[in-house]
Amino acid sequence: SAIKAVKDAVSIPVIGNGDVKNCFDAKKMIDETGCDAI
């Protein structure tokens, strides 16, 4: 939720990090947070 909060607050690209252990986690992070990359 911290990644989503940052993504919603700034206009520059936001890259999410933390507990991405496989491809399914990668997609889930992007879907849940809207981050530009993992």
PDB file of all heavy atoms in Angstrom:
ATOM      1  N   SER A   1       0.833  -1.203   0.000  1.00  0.00           N
ATOM      2  CA  SER A   1       0.000   0.000   0.000  1.00  0.00           C
ATOM      3  C   SER A   1       0.874   1.261   0.000  1.00  0.00           C
ATOM      4  O   SER A   1       0.452   2.318  -0.484  1.00  0.00           O
ATOM      5  CB  SER A   1      -0.946   0.014   1.202  1.00  0.00           C
ATOM      6  OG  SER A   1      -0.227   0.131   2.428  1.00  0.00           O
ATOM      7  N   ALA A   2       2.096   1.140   0.521  1.00  0.00           N
ATOM      8  CA  ALA A   2       3.026   2.272   0.502  1.00  0.00           C
ATOM      9  C   ALA A   2       3.429   2.617  -0.925  1.00  0.00           C
ATOM     10  O   ALA A   2       3.588   3.796  -1.283  1.00  0.00           O
ATOM     11  CB  ALA A   2       4.269   1.945   1.337  1.00  0.00           C
ATOM     12  N   ILE A   3       3.589   1.598  -1.752  1.00  0.00           N
ATOM     13  CA  ILE A   3       3.938   1.823  -3.163  1.00  0.00           C
ATOM     14  C   ILE A   3       2.793   2.543  -3.865  1.00  0.00           C
ATOM     15  O   ILE A   3       3.008   3.510  -4.606  1.00  0.00           O
ATOM     16  CB  ILE A   3       4.249   0.481  -3.866  1.00  0.00           C
ATOM     17  CG1 ILE A   3       5.406  -0.243  -3.174  1.00  0.00           C
ATOM     18  CG2 ILE A   3       4.564   0.712  -5.350  1.00  0.00           C
ATOM     19  CD1 ILE A   3       5.622  -1.673  -3.666  1.00  0.00           C
ATOM     20  N   LYS A   4       1.576   2.082  -3.626  1.00  0.00           N
ATOM     21  CA  LYS A   4       0.400   2.721  -4.237  1.00  0.00           C
ATOM     22  C   LYS A   4       0.267   4.172  -3.786  1.00  0.00           C
ATOM     23  O   LYS A   4      -0.025   5.066  -4.597  1.00  0.00           O
ATOM     24  CB  LYS A   4      -0.868   1.942  -3.890  1.00  0.00           C
ATOM     25  CG  LYS A   4      -2.137   2.593  -4.451  1.00  0.00           C
ATOM     26  CD  LYS A   4      -3.342   1.715  -4.285  1.00  0.00           C
ATOM     27  CE  LYS A   4      -4.639   2.419  -4.669  1.00  0.00           C
ATOM     28  NZ  LYS A   4      -4.562   3.344  -5.798  1.00  0.00           N
ATOM     29  N   ALA A   5       0.518   4.417  -2.498  1.00  0.00           N
ATOM     30  CA  ALA A   5       0.406   5.780  -1.966  1.00  0.00           C
ATOM     31  C   ALA A   5       1.408   6.711  -2.650  1.00  0.00           C
ATOM     32  O   ALA A   5       1.078   7.858  -2.990  1.00  0.00           O
ATOM     33  CB  ALA A   5       0.634   5.775  -0.459  1.00  0.00           C
ATOM     34  N   VAL A   6       2.621   6.218  -2.853  1.00  0.00           N
ATOM     35  CA  VAL A   6       3.647   7.027  -3.530  1.00  0.00           C
ATOM     36  C   VAL A   6       3.271   7.236  -4.996  1.00  0.00           C
ATOM     37  O   VAL A   6       3.390   8.348  -5.528  1.00  0.00           O
ATOM     38  CB  VAL A   6       5.034   6.357  -3.408  1.00  0.00           C
ATOM     39  CG1 VAL A   6       6.041   7.014  -4.349  1.00  0.00           C
ATOM     40  CG2 VAL A   6       5.533   6.441  -1.973  1.00  0.00           C
ATOM     41  N   LYS A   7       2.826   6.172  -5.653  1.00  0.00           N
ATOM     42  CA  LYS A   7       2.442   6.281  -7.065  1.00  0.00           C
ATOM     43  C   LYS A   7       1.329   7.296  -7.253  1.00  0.00           C
ATOM     44  O   LYS A   7       1.323   8.074  -8.216  1.00  0.00           O
ATOM     45  CB  LYS A   7       2.006   4.904  -7.595  1.00  0.00           C
ATOM     46  CG  LYS A   7       1.510   4.903  -9.034  1.00  0.00           C
ATOM     47  CD  LYS A   7       2.578   5.401 -10.005  1.00  0.00           C
ATOM     48  CE  LYS A   7       2.024   5.494 -11.422  1.00  0.00           C
ATOM     49  NZ  LYS A   7       2.970   6.148 -12.346  1.00  0.00           N
ATOM     50  N   ASP A   8       0.382   7.312  -6.323  1.00  0.00           N
ATOM     51  CA  ASP A   8      -0.738   8.257  -6.411  1.00  0.00           C
ATOM     52  C   ASP A   8      -0.326   9.695  -6.110  1.00  0.00           C
ATOM     53  O   ASP A   8      -1.025  10.644  -6.494  1.00  0.00           O
ATOM     54  CB  ASP A   8      -1.844   7.851  -5.430  1.00  0.00           C
ATOM     55  CG  ASP A   8      -2.552   6.565  -5.835  1.00  0.00           C
ATOM     56  OD1 ASP A   8      -2.415   6.162  -7.006  1.00  0.00           O
ATOM     57  OD2 ASP A   8      -3.234   5.961  -4.975  1.00  0.00           O
ATOM     58  N   ALA A   9       0.823   9.855  -5.436  1.00  0.00           N
ATOM     59  CA  ALA A   9       1.222  11.183  -4.962  1.00  0.00           C
ATOM     60  C   ALA A   9       2.160  11.928  -5.902  1.00  0.00           C
ATOM     61  O   ALA A   9       2.281  13.153  -5.807  1.00  0.00           O
ATOM     62  CB  ALA A   9       1.875  11.063  -3.580  1.00  0.00           C
ATOM     63  N   VAL A  10       2.854  11.205  -6.786  1.00  0.00           N
ATOM     64  CA  VAL A  10       3.841  11.854  -7.662  1.00  0.00           C
ATOM     65  C   VAL A  10       3.559  11.522  -9.122  1.00  0.00           C
ATOM     66  O   VAL A  10       2.836  10.571  -9.438  1.00  0.00           O
ATOM     67  CB  VAL A  10       5.285  11.434  -7.304  1.00  0.00           C
ATOM     68  CG1 VAL A  10       5.640  11.843  -5.885  1.00  0.00           C
ATOM     69  CG2 VAL A  10       5.487   9.933  -7.487  1.00  0.00           C
ATOM     70  N   SER A  11       4.134  12.309 -10.004  1.00  0.00           N
ATOM     71  CA  SER A  11       3.907  12.091 -11.437  1.00  0.00           C
ATOM     72  C   SER A  11       5.090  11.414 -12.123  1.00  0.00           C
ATOM     73  O   SER A  11       4.994  11.008 -13.279  1.00  0.00           O
ATOM     74  CB  SER A  11       3.619  13.431 -12.128  1.00  0.00           C
ATOM     75  OG  SER A  11       4.701  14.327 -11.933  1.00  0.00           O
ATOM     76  N   ILE A  12       6.233  11.298 -11.428  1.00  0.00           N
ATOM     77  CA  ILE A  12       7.390  10.616 -12.002  1.00  0.00           C
ATOM     78  C   ILE A  12       7.201   9.098 -11.860  1.00  0.00           C
ATOM     79  O   ILE A  12       6.407   8.645 -11.038  1.00  0.00           O
ATOM     80  CB  ILE A  12       8.707  11.056 -11.326  1.00  0.00           C
ATOM     81  CG1 ILE A  12       8.637  10.853  -9.808  1.00  0.00           C
ATOM     82  CG2 ILE A  12       9.015  12.507 -11.673  1.00  0.00           C
ATOM     83  CD1 ILE A  12       9.926  11.217  -9.072  1.00  0.00           C
ATOM     84  N   PRO A  13       7.914   8.300 -12.678  1.00  0.00           N
ATOM     85  CA  PRO A  13       7.770   6.840 -12.587  1.00  0.00           C
ATOM     86  C   PRO A  13       8.113   6.311 -11.197  1.00  0.00           C
ATOM     87  O   PRO A  13       9.039   6.800 -10.543  1.00  0.00           O
ATOM     88  CB  PRO A  13       8.770   6.326 -13.629  1.00  0.00           C
ATOM     89  CG  PRO A  13       8.919   7.443 -14.599  1.00  0.00           C
ATOM     90  CD  PRO A  13       8.813   8.693 -13.783  1.00  0.00           C
ATOM     91  N   VAL A  14       7.335   5.313 -10.764  1.00  0.00           N
ATOM     92  CA  VAL A  14       7.549   4.682  -9.462  1.00  0.00           C
ATOM     93  C   VAL A  14       7.781   3.185  -9.677  1.00  0.00           C
ATOM     94  O   VAL A  14       7.004   2.507 -10.361  1.00  0.00           O
ATOM     95  CB  VAL A  14       6.335   4.894  -8.535  1.00  0.00           C
ATOM     96  CG1 VAL A  14       6.486   4.074  -7.244  1.00  0.00           C
ATOM     97  CG2 VAL A  14       6.171   6.378  -8.212  1.00  0.00           C
ATOM     98  N   ILE A  15       8.853   2.696  -9.078  1.00  0.00           N
ATOM     99  CA  ILE A  15       9.235   1.290  -9.211  1.00  0.00           C
ATOM    100  C   ILE A  15       9.013   0.605  -7.858  1.00  0.00           C
ATOM    101  O   ILE A  15       9.515   1.067  -6.838  1.00  0.00           O
ATOM    102  CB  ILE A  15      10.705   1.163  -9.643  1.00  0.00           C
ATOM    103  CG1 ILE A  15      10.914   1.866 -10.994  1.00  0.00           C
ATOM    104  CG2 ILE A  15      11.128  -0.301  -9.729  1.00  0.00           C
ATOM    105  CD1 ILE A  15      12.333   2.302 -11.253  1.00  0.00           C
ATOM    106  N   GLY A  16       8.252  -0.470  -7.850  1.00  0.00           N
ATOM    107  CA  GLY A  16       7.932  -1.168  -6.616  1.00  0.00           C
ATOM    108  C   GLY A  16       8.920  -2.269  -6.294  1.00  0.00           C
ATOM    109  O   GLY A  16       9.384  -2.986  -7.189  1.00  0.00           O
ATOM    110  N   ASN A  17       9.231  -2.431  -5.018  1.00  0.00           N
ATOM    111  CA  ASN A  17      10.210  -3.419  -4.569  1.00  0.00           C
ATOM    112  C   ASN A  17       9.756  -4.023  -3.241  1.00  0.00           C
ATOM    113  O   ASN A  17       9.255  -3.311  -2.375  1.00  0.00           O
ATOM    114  CB  ASN A  17      11.572  -2.721  -4.423  1.00  0.00           C
ATOM    115  CG  ASN A  17      12.676  -3.613  -3.885  1.00  0.00           C
ATOM    116  OD1 ASN A  17      13.514  -3.159  -3.112  1.00  0.00           O
ATOM    117  ND2 ASN A  17      12.707  -4.864  -4.280  1.00  0.00           N
ATOM    118  N   GLY A  18       9.918  -5.342  -3.109  1.00  0.00           N
ATOM    119  CA  GLY A  18       9.572  -5.998  -1.853  1.00  0.00           C
ATOM    120  C   GLY A  18       8.621  -7.163  -2.032  1.00  0.00           C
ATOM    121  O   GLY A  18       7.475  -6.987  -2.448  1.00  0.00           O
ATOM    122  N   ASP A  19       9.106  -8.368  -1.764  1.00  0.00           N
ATOM    123  CA  ASP A  19       8.296  -9.593  -1.809  1.00  0.00           C
ATOM    124  C   ASP A  19       7.806  -9.977  -3.195  1.00  0.00           C
ATOM    125  O   ASP A  19       6.766 -10.639  -3.336  1.00  0.00           O
ATOM    126  CB  ASP A  19       7.094  -9.498  -0.853  1.00  0.00           C
ATOM    127  CG  ASP A  19       7.498  -9.596   0.612  1.00  0.00           C
ATOM    128  OD1 ASP A  19       8.669  -9.939   0.877  1.00  0.00           O
ATOM    129  OD2 ASP A  19       6.661  -9.319   1.489  1.00  0.00           O
ATOM    130  N   VAL A  20       8.543  -9.609  -4.233  1.00  0.00           N
ATOM    131  CA  VAL A  20       8.252 -10.142  -5.567  1.00  0.00           C
ATOM    132  C   VAL A  20       9.140 -11.374  -5.733  1.00  0.00           C
ATOM    133  O   VAL A  20      10.337 -11.263  -5.940  1.00  0.00           O
ATOM    134  CB  VAL A  20       8.520  -9.114  -6.685  1.00  0.00           C
ATOM    135  CG1 VAL A  20       8.334  -9.763  -8.057  1.00  0.00           C
ATOM    136  CG2 VAL A  20       7.588  -7.923  -6.550  1.00  0.00           C
ATOM    137  N   LYS A  21       8.525 -12.539  -5.623  1.00  0.00           N
ATOM    138  CA  LYS A  21       9.278 -13.798  -5.640  1.00  0.00           C
ATOM    139  C   LYS A  21       9.103 -14.580  -6.935  1.00  0.00           C
ATOM    140  O   LYS A  21       9.821 -15.552  -7.180  1.00  0.00           O
ATOM    141  CB  LYS A  21       8.851 -14.670  -4.451  1.00  0.00           C
ATOM    142  CG  LYS A  21       9.114 -14.002  -3.105  1.00  0.00           C
ATOM    143  CD  LYS A  21       8.469 -14.769  -1.969  1.00  0.00           C
ATOM    144  CE  LYS A  21       8.641 -14.019  -0.653  1.00  0.00           C
ATOM    145  NZ  LYS A  21       7.890 -14.650   0.458  1.00  0.00           N
ATOM    146  N   ASN A  22       8.143 -14.170  -7.753  1.00  0.00           N
ATOM    147  CA  ASN A  22       7.888 -14.868  -9.017  1.00  0.00           C
ATOM    148  C   ASN A  22       7.070 -13.962  -9.932  1.00  0.00           C
ATOM    149  O   ASN A  22       6.728 -12.828  -9.562  1.00  0.00           O
ATOM    150  CB  ASN A  22       7.150 -16.188  -8.767  1.00  0.00           C
ATOM    151  CG  ASN A  22       5.912 -15.992  -7.899  1.00  0.00           C
ATOM    152  OD1 ASN A  22       5.068 -15.137  -8.177  1.00  0.00           O
ATOM    153  ND2 ASN A  22       5.803 -16.786  -6.830  1.00  0.00           N
ATOM    154  N   CYS A  23       6.747 -14.473 -11.117  1.00  0.00           N
ATOM    155  CA  CYS A  23       6.037 -13.654 -12.108  1.00  0.00           C
ATOM    156  C   CYS A  23       4.629 -13.281 -11.653  1.00  0.00           C
ATOM    157  O   CYS A  23       4.120 -12.214 -12.002  1.00  0.00           O
ATOM    158  CB  CYS A  23       5.993 -14.373 -13.454  1.00  0.00           C
ATOM    159  SG  CYS A  23       5.138 -15.968 -13.442  1.00  0.00           S
ATOM    160  N   PHE A  24       4.002 -14.146 -10.855  1.00  0.00           N
ATOM    161  CA  PHE A  24       2.645 -13.863 -10.385  1.00  0.00           C
ATOM    162  C   PHE A  24       2.650 -12.700  -9.388  1.00  0.00           C
ATOM    163  O   PHE A  24       1.761 -11.850  -9.397  1.00  0.00           O
ATOM    164  CB  PHE A  24       2.037 -15.113  -9.753  1.00  0.00           C
ATOM    165  CG  PHE A  24       2.107 -16.324 -10.658  1.00  0.00           C
ATOM    166  CD1 PHE A  24       2.949 -17.385 -10.357  1.00  0.00           C
ATOM    167  CD2 PHE A  24       1.360 -16.380 -11.827  1.00  0.00           C
ATOM    168  CE1 PHE A  24       3.030 -18.491 -11.190  1.00  0.00           C
ATOM    169  CE2 PHE A  24       1.429 -17.481 -12.676  1.00  0.00           C
ATOM    170  CZ  PHE A  24       2.272 -18.533 -12.359  1.00  0.00           C
ATOM    171  N   ASP A  25       3.683 -12.680  -8.520  1.00  0.00           N
ATOM    172  CA  ASP A  25       3.835 -11.554  -7.597  1.00  0.00           C
ATOM    173  C   ASP A  25       4.067 -10.256  -8.367  1.00  0.00           C
ATOM    174  O   ASP A  25       3.557  -9.197  -7.986  1.00  0.00           O
ATOM    175  CB  ASP A  25       5.032 -11.780  -6.659  1.00  0.00           C
ATOM    176  CG  ASP A  25       4.806 -12.909  -5.671  1.00  0.00           C
ATOM    177  OD1 ASP A  25       3.641 -13.233  -5.379  1.00  0.00           O
ATOM    178  OD2 ASP A  25       5.813 -13.474  -5.197  1.00  0.00           O
ATOM    179  N   ALA A  26       4.854 -10.345  -9.434  1.00  0.00           N
ATOM    180  CA  ALA A  26       5.159  -9.154 -10.238  1.00  0.00           C
ATOM    181  C   ALA A  26       3.882  -8.536 -10.794  1.00  0.00           C
ATOM    182  O   ALA A  26       3.657  -7.323 -10.691  1.00  0.00           O
ATOM    183  CB  ALA A  26       6.111  -9.526 -11.378  1.00  0.00           C
ATOM    184  N   LYS A  27       3.035  -9.370 -11.371  1.00  0.00           N
ATOM    185  CA  LYS A  27       1.781  -8.859 -11.943  1.00  0.00           C
ATOM    186  C   LYS A  27       0.855  -8.341 -10.844  1.00  0.00           C
ATOM    187  O   LYS A  27       0.202  -7.293 -11.001  1.00  0.00           O
ATOM    188  CB  LYS A  27       1.071  -9.948 -12.748  1.00  0.00           C
ATOM    189  CG  LYS A  27      -0.146  -9.408 -13.511  1.00  0.00           C
ATOM    190  CD  LYS A  27      -0.723 -10.428 -14.456  1.00  0.00           C
ATOM    191  CE  LYS A  27      -1.752  -9.792 -15.389  1.00  0.00           C
ATOM    192  NZ  LYS A  27      -2.778  -9.009 -14.691  1.00  0.00           N
ATOM    193  N   LYS A  28       0.812  -9.051  -9.735  1.00  0.00           N
ATOM    194  CA  LYS A  28      -0.046  -8.640  -8.624  1.00  0.00           C
ATOM    195  C   LYS A  28       0.373  -7.275  -8.095  1.00  0.00           C
ATOM    196  O   LYS A  28      -0.474  -6.417  -7.820  1.00  0.00           O
ATOM    197  CB  LYS A  28       0.012  -9.679  -7.509  1.00  0.00           C
ATOM    198  CG  LYS A  28      -0.965  -9.417  -6.376  1.00  0.00           C
ATOM    199  CD  LYS A  28      -0.869 -10.514  -5.308  1.00  0.00           C
ATOM    200  CE  LYS A  28      -1.843 -10.231  -4.168  1.00  0.00           C
ATOM    201  NZ  LYS A  28      -1.707 -11.209  -3.066  1.00  0.00           N
ATOM    202  N   MET A  29       1.706  -7.041  -7.967  1.00  0.00           N
ATOM    203  CA  MET A  29       2.176  -5.747  -7.479  1.00  0.00           C
ATOM    204  C   MET A  29       1.769  -4.620  -8.424  1.00  0.00           C
ATOM    205  O   MET A  29       1.286  -3.566  -7.994  1.00  0.00           O
ATOM    206  CB  MET A  29       3.699  -5.740  -7.294  1.00  0.00           C
ATOM    207  CG  MET A  29       4.234  -4.386  -6.842  1.00  0.00           C
ATOM    208  SD  MET A  29       6.031  -4.300  -6.673  1.00  0.00           S
ATOM    209  CE  MET A  29       6.260  -4.984  -5.028  1.00  0.00           C
ATOM    210  N   ILE A  30       1.956  -4.835  -9.704  1.00  0.00           N
ATOM    211  CA  ILE A  30       1.595  -3.799 -10.676  1.00  0.00           C
ATOM    212  C   ILE A  30       0.088  -3.548 -10.671  1.00  0.00           C
ATOM    213  O   ILE A  30      -0.366  -2.404 -10.684  1.00  0.00           O
ATOM    214  CB  ILE A  30       2.093  -4.185 -12.085  1.00  0.00           C
ATOM    215  CG1 ILE A  30       3.630  -4.086 -12.139  1.00  0.00           C
ATOM    216  CG2 ILE A  30       1.468  -3.285 -13.151  1.00  0.00           C
ATOM    217  CD1 ILE A  30       4.243  -4.582 -13.427  1.00  0.00           C
ATOM    218  N   ASP A  31      -0.690  -4.618 -10.609  1.00  0.00           N
ATOM    219  CA  ASP A  31      -2.151  -4.476 -10.605  1.00  0.00           C
ATOM    220  C   ASP A  31      -2.652  -3.758  -9.352  1.00  0.00           C
ATOM    221  O   ASP A  31      -3.570  -2.940  -9.413  1.00  0.00           O
ATOM    222  CB  ASP A  31      -2.821  -5.855 -10.695  1.00  0.00           C
ATOM    223  CG  ASP A  31      -2.677  -6.487 -12.075  1.00  0.00           C
ATOM    224  OD1 ASP A  31      -2.290  -5.764 -13.013  1.00  0.00           O
ATOM    225  OD2 ASP A  31      -2.930  -7.698 -12.197  1.00  0.00           O
ATOM    226  N   GLU A  32      -2.055  -4.084  -8.200  1.00  0.00           N
ATOM    227  CA  GLU A  32      -2.535  -3.521  -6.934  1.00  0.00           C
ATOM    228  C   GLU A  32      -2.056  -2.095  -6.679  1.00  0.00           C
ATOM    229  O   GLU A  32      -2.747  -1.317  -6.022  1.00  0.00           O
ATOM    230  CB  GLU A  32      -2.080  -4.406  -5.769  1.00  0.00           C
ATOM    231  CG  GLU A  32      -2.829  -5.716  -5.666  1.00  0.00           C
ATOM    232  CD  GLU A  32      -2.471  -6.503  -4.414  1.00  0.00           C
ATOM    233  OE1 GLU A  32      -1.708  -5.980  -3.558  1.00  0.00           O
ATOM    234  OE2 GLU A  32      -2.948  -7.645  -4.283  1.00  0.00           O
ATOM    235  N   THR A  33      -0.874  -1.758  -7.191  1.00  0.00           N
ATOM    236  CA  THR A  33      -0.274  -0.464  -6.851  1.00  0.00           C
ATOM    237  C   THR A  33      -0.240   0.526  -8.005  1.00  0.00           C
ATOM    238  O   THR A  33      -0.104   1.723  -7.785  1.00  0.00           O
ATOM    239  CB  THR A  33       1.165  -0.649  -6.352  1.00  0.00           C
ATOM    240  OG1 THR A  33       2.004  -1.045  -7.452  1.00  0.00           O
ATOM    241  CG2 THR A  33       1.249  -1.691  -5.244  1.00  0.00           C
ATOM    242  N   GLY A  34      -0.320   0.020  -9.237  1.00  0.00           N
ATOM    243  CA  GLY A  34      -0.205   0.901 -10.397  1.00  0.00           C
ATOM    244  C   GLY A  34       1.215   1.328 -10.683  1.00  0.00           C
ATOM    245  O   GLY A  34       1.446   2.237 -11.505  1.00  0.00           O
ATOM    246  N   CYS A  35       2.202   0.706 -10.019  1.00  0.00           N
ATOM    247  CA  CYS A  35       3.598   1.101 -10.227  1.00  0.00           C
ATOM    248  C   CYS A  35       4.019   0.850 -11.676  1.00  0.00           C
ATOM    249  O   CYS A  35       3.460  -0.003 -12.369  1.00  0.00           O
ATOM    250  CB  CYS A  35       4.526   0.389  -9.253  1.00  0.00           C
ATOM    251  SG  CYS A  35       4.600  -1.405  -9.412  1.00  0.00           S
ATOM    252  N   ASP A  36       5.009   1.603 -12.122  1.00  0.00           N
ATOM    253  CA  ASP A  36       5.441   1.548 -13.515  1.00  0.00           C
ATOM    254  C   ASP A  36       6.305   0.338 -13.819  1.00  0.00           C
ATOM    255  O   ASP A  36       6.406  -0.097 -14.969  1.00  0.00           O
ATOM    256  CB  ASP A  36       6.205   2.831 -13.861  1.00  0.00           C
ATOM    257  CG  ASP A  36       5.336   4.059 -13.707  1.00  0.00           C
ATOM    258  OD1 ASP A  36       4.628   4.389 -14.664  1.00  0.00           O
ATOM    259  OD2 ASP A  36       5.343   4.679 -12.618  1.00  0.00           O
ATOM    260  N   ALA A  37       6.957  -0.189 -12.789  1.00  0.00           N
ATOM    261  CA  ALA A  37       7.833  -1.348 -12.965  1.00  0.00           C
ATOM    262  C   ALA A  37       8.054  -1.992 -11.599  1.00  0.00           C
ATOM    263  O   ALA A  37       7.755  -1.400 -10.558  1.00  0.00           O
ATOM    264  CB  ALA A  37       9.173  -0.933 -13.582  1.00  0.00           C
ATOM    265  N   ILE A  38       8.579  -3.223 -11.632  1.00  0.00           N
ATOM    266  CA  ILE A  38       8.894  -3.908 -10.375  1.00  0.00           C
ATOM    267  C   ILE A  38      10.404  -4.142 -10.308  1.00  0.00           C
ATOM    268  O   ILE A  38      11.085  -4.230 -11.323  1.00  0.00           O
ATOM    269  CB  ILE A  38       8.120  -5.232 -10.225  1.00  0.00           C
ATOM    270  CG1 ILE A  38       8.367  -6.170 -11.416  1.00  0.00           C
ATOM    271  CG2 ILE A  38       6.637  -4.947 -10.082  1.00  0.00           C
ATOM    272  CD1 ILE A  38       9.383  -7.239 -11.162  1.00  0.00           C
TER     273      ILE A  38
END
